Protein backbone atom coordinates (compact mmCIF):
# COMPACT_ATOMS: atom_id res chain seq x y z
CA MET A 1 -31.68 -47.48 -41.52
CA THR A 2 -28.13 -47.31 -40.15
CA THR A 3 -26.69 -43.93 -39.21
CA MET A 4 -22.93 -43.41 -39.46
CA LEU A 5 -21.25 -40.96 -37.09
CA ALA A 6 -18.21 -39.13 -38.29
CA VAL A 7 -15.20 -39.48 -36.03
CA THR A 8 -12.88 -36.51 -35.93
CA ASP A 9 -9.34 -36.31 -34.70
CA VAL A 10 -9.72 -34.42 -31.37
CA THR A 11 -6.00 -33.86 -31.02
CA ALA A 12 -6.07 -31.47 -33.96
CA ASP A 13 -8.70 -29.31 -32.21
CA VAL A 14 -6.85 -28.96 -28.90
CA CYS A 15 -5.73 -25.41 -28.20
CA CYS A 16 -2.44 -24.91 -26.45
CA THR A 17 -1.69 -21.25 -25.94
CA PRO A 18 2.00 -20.81 -25.16
CA LEU A 19 3.00 -19.02 -21.98
CA VAL A 20 4.39 -15.53 -22.46
CA ARG A 21 6.37 -15.57 -19.23
CA GLU A 22 7.39 -18.01 -16.54
CA PRO A 23 4.64 -18.80 -14.02
CA LEU A 24 5.29 -18.83 -10.30
CA THR A 25 7.29 -21.75 -9.00
CA ALA A 26 5.88 -23.74 -6.10
CA ASP A 27 8.27 -21.96 -3.69
CA GLU A 28 7.35 -18.53 -5.07
CA ALA A 29 3.64 -19.33 -4.76
CA GLU A 30 4.12 -20.44 -1.16
CA GLN A 31 6.03 -17.26 -0.31
CA LEU A 32 3.48 -15.07 -2.08
CA ALA A 33 0.62 -16.78 -0.24
CA THR A 34 2.30 -16.08 3.09
CA THR A 35 2.86 -12.48 2.06
CA MET A 36 -0.72 -12.05 0.93
CA LYS A 37 -2.03 -13.61 4.15
CA ALA A 38 -0.18 -10.86 6.03
CA LEU A 39 -1.98 -8.28 3.89
CA ALA A 40 -5.37 -9.99 4.10
CA ASP A 41 -6.40 -8.14 7.25
CA PRO A 42 -8.03 -4.70 7.38
CA THR A 43 -6.06 -3.64 10.47
CA ARG A 44 -2.73 -4.59 8.91
CA LEU A 45 -3.61 -2.75 5.70
CA ARG A 46 -4.47 0.34 7.74
CA LEU A 47 -1.24 0.07 9.72
CA LEU A 48 0.78 -0.19 6.50
CA SER A 49 -1.10 2.79 5.12
CA ILE A 50 -0.42 4.88 8.22
CA VAL A 51 3.28 4.01 8.24
CA ALA A 52 3.56 4.71 4.51
CA ALA A 53 1.82 8.09 4.97
CA SER A 54 4.08 9.08 7.89
CA GLU A 55 7.17 11.22 7.54
CA ASP A 56 10.02 9.13 6.10
CA SER A 57 7.55 6.18 5.94
CA GLU A 58 8.25 5.53 9.61
CA ALA A 59 6.01 5.57 12.69
CA CYS A 60 6.27 4.83 16.38
CA VAL A 61 3.99 2.11 17.70
CA CYS A 62 2.67 4.76 20.10
CA ASP A 63 1.33 6.68 17.08
CA LEU A 64 -0.38 3.62 15.61
CA ILE A 65 -2.54 2.55 18.55
CA GLU A 66 -5.14 5.33 18.54
CA PRO A 67 -5.85 5.44 14.78
CA VAL A 68 -6.75 1.74 14.62
CA GLY A 69 -8.54 1.71 17.99
CA LEU A 70 -6.84 -1.40 19.32
CA SER A 71 -4.70 -2.14 22.36
CA GLN A 72 -0.92 -1.83 22.20
CA PRO A 73 -0.36 -5.63 22.40
CA THR A 74 -2.79 -6.23 19.52
CA VAL A 75 -1.18 -3.52 17.37
CA SER A 76 2.25 -4.97 18.17
CA HIS A 77 1.03 -8.41 17.10
CA HIS A 78 -0.12 -7.05 13.72
CA LEU A 79 3.14 -5.13 13.29
CA LYS A 80 5.12 -8.30 14.02
CA ILE A 81 3.24 -10.14 11.24
CA LEU A 82 3.95 -7.29 8.80
CA THR A 83 7.61 -7.27 9.84
CA THR A 84 7.94 -11.05 9.46
CA ALA A 85 6.34 -10.81 6.00
CA GLY A 86 8.98 -8.26 4.99
CA PHE A 87 6.84 -5.14 4.73
CA LEU A 88 8.24 -3.31 7.76
CA THR A 89 11.49 -3.07 9.67
CA ARG A 90 11.61 -2.46 13.42
CA SER A 91 14.02 -0.39 15.45
CA LYS A 92 13.97 0.25 19.18
CA ARG A 93 14.47 3.76 20.55
CA GLY A 94 14.26 3.96 24.30
CA THR A 95 11.08 2.20 25.35
CA TRP A 96 9.32 2.55 21.98
CA ALA A 97 9.55 0.56 18.78
CA TYR A 98 9.54 2.35 15.43
CA PHE A 99 8.38 0.72 12.24
CA LYS A 100 9.55 1.70 8.78
CA LEU A 101 8.17 0.62 5.42
CA VAL A 102 10.66 -1.55 3.53
CA PRO A 103 11.35 0.20 0.21
CA GLY A 104 9.89 -1.79 -2.66
CA ALA A 105 8.17 -4.41 -0.48
CA LEU A 106 4.75 -3.70 -1.94
CA ASP A 107 6.22 -3.41 -5.44
CA ARG A 108 7.47 -7.01 -5.25
CA VAL A 109 3.93 -8.26 -4.63
CA SER A 110 2.47 -6.35 -7.56
CA GLN A 111 5.29 -7.40 -9.93
CA LEU A 112 4.55 -11.07 -9.31
CA LEU A 113 0.92 -10.58 -10.25
CA VAL A 114 1.18 -8.20 -13.19
CA ALA A 115 2.11 -9.48 -16.66
CA SER A 116 5.34 -8.04 -17.99
């Protein structure tokens, strides 16, 4: 006995859901990855949190050393990464550096990830 198999047109069954917004470009994805790498550290998240919770969202590096329990050079290294990533700005006053949260910096990260 010969069995016949039915052949169906697979192209008719393919589902193509249209995009509802533009996805990240390659450049945007690269920039976002760099930004997220800066945030992907518990110490840097704590530092951002402390600065954000400080008066005027600004803190002296001298006020950031004790809460995270690290040396001043290590804290400065983390602050430099956060500054380079665009989360903080740095200003020098006398011998101390002050770091201020960039308004909207964290909002930009969330807007790229949340559907509009």
